[in-house]
PDB file of N, CA and C in Angstrom:
ATOM      1  N   MET A   1       0.849  -1.204   0.000  1.00  0.00           N
ATOM      2  CA  MET A   1       0.000   0.000   0.000  1.00  0.00           C
ATOM      3  C   MET A   1       0.879   1.247   0.000  1.00  0.00           C
ATOM      4  N   GLN A   2       0.484   2.222  -0.778  1.00  0.00           N
ATOM      5  CA  GLN A   2       1.275   3.449  -0.873  1.00  0.00           C
ATOM      6  C   GLN A   2       1.020   4.340   0.336  1.00  0.00           C
ATOM      7  N   PRO A   3       2.063   5.023   0.830  1.00  0.00           N
ATOM      8  CA  PRO A   3       1.909   5.906   1.999  1.00  0.00           C
ATOM      9  C   PRO A   3       0.846   6.977   1.779  1.00  0.00           C
ATOM     10  N   ALA A   4       0.789   7.533   0.570  1.00  0.00           N
ATOM     11  CA  ALA A   4      -0.176   8.598   0.295  1.00  0.00           C
ATOM     12  C   ALA A   4      -1.608   8.078   0.424  1.00  0.00           C
ATOM     13  N   ALA A   5      -1.837   6.890  -0.117  1.00  0.00           N
ATOM     14  CA  ALA A   5      -3.175   6.300  -0.029  1.00  0.00           C
ATOM     15  C   ALA A   5      -3.537   6.032   1.431  1.00  0.00           C
ATOM     16  N   LYS A   6      -2.554   5.542   2.201  1.00  0.00           N
ATOM     17  CA  LYS A   6      -2.787   5.259   3.612  1.00  0.00           C
ATOM     18  C   LYS A   6      -3.122   6.539   4.369  1.00  0.00           C
ATOM     19  N   THR A   7      -2.399   7.602   4.060  1.00  0.00           N
ATOM     20  CA  THR A   7      -2.647   8.887   4.719  1.00  0.00           C
ATOM     21  C   THR A   7      -4.044   9.396   4.386  1.00  0.00           C
ATOM     22  N   LYS A   8      -4.422   9.273   3.130  1.00  0.00           N
ATOM     23  CA  LYS A   8      -5.751   9.742   2.720  1.00  0.00           C
ATOM     24  C   LYS A   8      -6.831   8.948   3.440  1.00  0.00           C
ATOM     25  N   GLU A   9      -6.621   7.639   3.559  1.00  0.00           N
ATOM     26  CA  GLU A   9      -7.589   6.779   4.245  1.00  0.00           C
ATOM     27  C   GLU A   9      -7.701   7.177   5.721  1.00  0.00           C
ATOM     28  N   ASN A  10      -6.565   7.409   6.360  1.00  0.00           N
ATOM     29  CA  ASN A  10      -6.572   7.843   7.765  1.00  0.00           C
ATOM     30  C   ASN A  10      -7.267   9.183   7.918  1.00  0.00           C
ATOM     31  N   PHE A  11      -7.001  10.097   6.969  1.00  0.00           N
ATOM     32  CA  PHE A  11      -7.615  11.415   7.022  1.00  0.00           C
ATOM     33  C   PHE A  11      -9.132  11.294   6.938  1.00  0.00           C
ATOM     34  N   LYS A  12      -9.603  10.476   6.006  1.00  0.00           N
ATOM     35  CA  LYS A  12     -11.039  10.295   5.831  1.00  0.00           C
ATOM     36  C   LYS A  12     -11.657   9.724   7.099  1.00  0.00           C
ATOM     37  N   ARG A  13     -10.980   8.727   7.682  1.00  0.00           N
ATOM     38  CA  ARG A  13     -11.494   8.107   8.906  1.00  0.00           C
ATOM     39  C   ARG A  13     -11.518   9.124  10.046  1.00  0.00           C
ATOM     40  N   ASN A  14     -10.486   9.957  10.131  1.00  0.00           N
ATOM     41  CA  ASN A  14     -10.446  10.981  11.174  1.00  0.00           C
ATOM     42  C   ASN A  14     -11.582  11.975  11.011  1.00  0.00           C
ATOM     43  N   GLN A  15     -11.878  12.361   9.769  1.00  0.00           N
ATOM     44  CA  GLN A  15     -12.974  13.301   9.523  1.00  0.00           C
ATOM     45  C   GLN A  15     -14.291  12.704  10.005  1.00  0.00           C
ATOM     46  N   ILE A  16     -14.515  11.436   9.694  1.00  0.00           N
ATOM     47  CA  ILE A  16     -15.750  10.760  10.114  1.00  0.00           C
ATOM     48  C   ILE A  16     -15.817  10.704  11.633  1.00  0.00           C
ATOM     49  N   THR A  17     -14.693  10.381  12.260  1.00  0.00           N
ATOM     50  CA  THR A  17     -14.654  10.287  13.716  1.00  0.00           C
ATOM     51  C   THR A  17     -14.931  11.634  14.368  1.00  0.00           C
ATOM     52  N   LYS A  18     -14.311  12.691  13.830  1.00  0.00           N
ATOM     53  CA  LYS A  18     -14.533  14.028  14.388  1.00  0.00           C
ATOM     54  C   LYS A  18     -15.989  14.441  14.260  1.00  0.00           C
ATOM     55  N   ARG A  19     -16.585  14.141  13.116  1.00  0.00           N
ATOM     56  CA  ARG A  19     -17.985  14.508  12.904  1.00  0.00           C
ATOM     57  C   ARG A  19     -18.871  13.757  13.885  1.00  0.00           C
ATOM     58  N   PHE A  20     -18.552  12.465  14.088  1.00  0.00           N
ATOM     59  CA  PHE A  20     -19.320  11.634  15.015  1.00  0.00           C
ATOM     60  C   PHE A  20     -19.216  12.180  16.435  1.00  0.00           C
ATOM     61  N   ILE A  21     -17.995  12.512  16.861  1.00  0.00           N
ATOM     62  CA  ILE A  21     -17.780  13.033  18.208  1.00  0.00           C
ATOM     63  C   ILE A  21     -18.487  14.372  18.390  1.00  0.00           C
ATOM     64  N   SER A  22     -18.367  15.252  17.408  1.00  0.00           N
ATOM     65  CA  SER A  22     -18.998  16.565  17.542  1.00  0.00           C
ATOM     66  C   SER A  22     -20.518  16.430  17.577  1.00  0.00           C
ATOM     67  N   SER A  23     -21.081  15.494  16.829  1.00  0.00           N
ATOM     68  CA  SER A  23     -22.529  15.296  16.875  1.00  0.00           C
ATOM     69  C   SER A  23     -22.951  14.758  18.238  1.00  0.00           C
ATOM     70  N   LEU A  24     -22.129  13.884  18.825  1.00  0.00           N
ATOM     71  CA  LEU A  24     -22.425  13.393  20.177  1.00  0.00           C
ATOM     72  C   LEU A  24     -22.375  14.542  21.183  1.00  0.00           C
ATOM     73  N   GLN A  25     -21.370  15.385  21.048  1.00  0.00           N
ATOM     74  CA  GLN A  25     -21.231  16.515  21.972  1.00  0.00           C
ATOM     75  C   GLN A  25     -22.425  17.460  21.853  1.00  0.00           C
ATOM     76  N   GLU A  26     -22.883  17.704  20.625  1.00  0.00           N
ATOM     77  CA  GLU A  26     -24.041  18.576  20.443  1.00  0.00           C
ATOM     78  C   GLU A  26     -25.270  17.974  21.117  1.00  0.00           C
ATOM     79  N   ARG A  27     -25.394  16.662  21.030  1.00  0.00           N
ATOM     80  CA  ARG A  27     -26.567  16.002  21.587  1.00  0.00           C
ATOM     81  C   ARG A  27     -26.557  16.051  23.108  1.00  0.00           C
ATOM     82  N   TYR A  28     -25.388  15.925  23.731  1.00  0.00           N
ATOM     83  CA  TYR A  28     -25.332  15.774  25.189  1.00  0.00           C
ATOM     84  C   TYR A  28     -24.917  17.031  25.938  1.00  0.00           C
ATOM     85  N   CYS A  29     -24.658  18.118  25.220  1.00  0.00           N
ATOM     86  CA  CYS A  29     -24.247  19.331  25.919  1.00  0.00           C
ATOM     87  C   CYS A  29     -25.404  20.322  25.971  1.00  0.00           C
TER      88      CYS A  29
END
């Protein structure tokens, strides 16, 4: 696997995780 592809995949996963966390925070704050 190419490093660039791996980085892009991690970035995408991080974006999803951040969105999920922020939506949880909005719901419970």
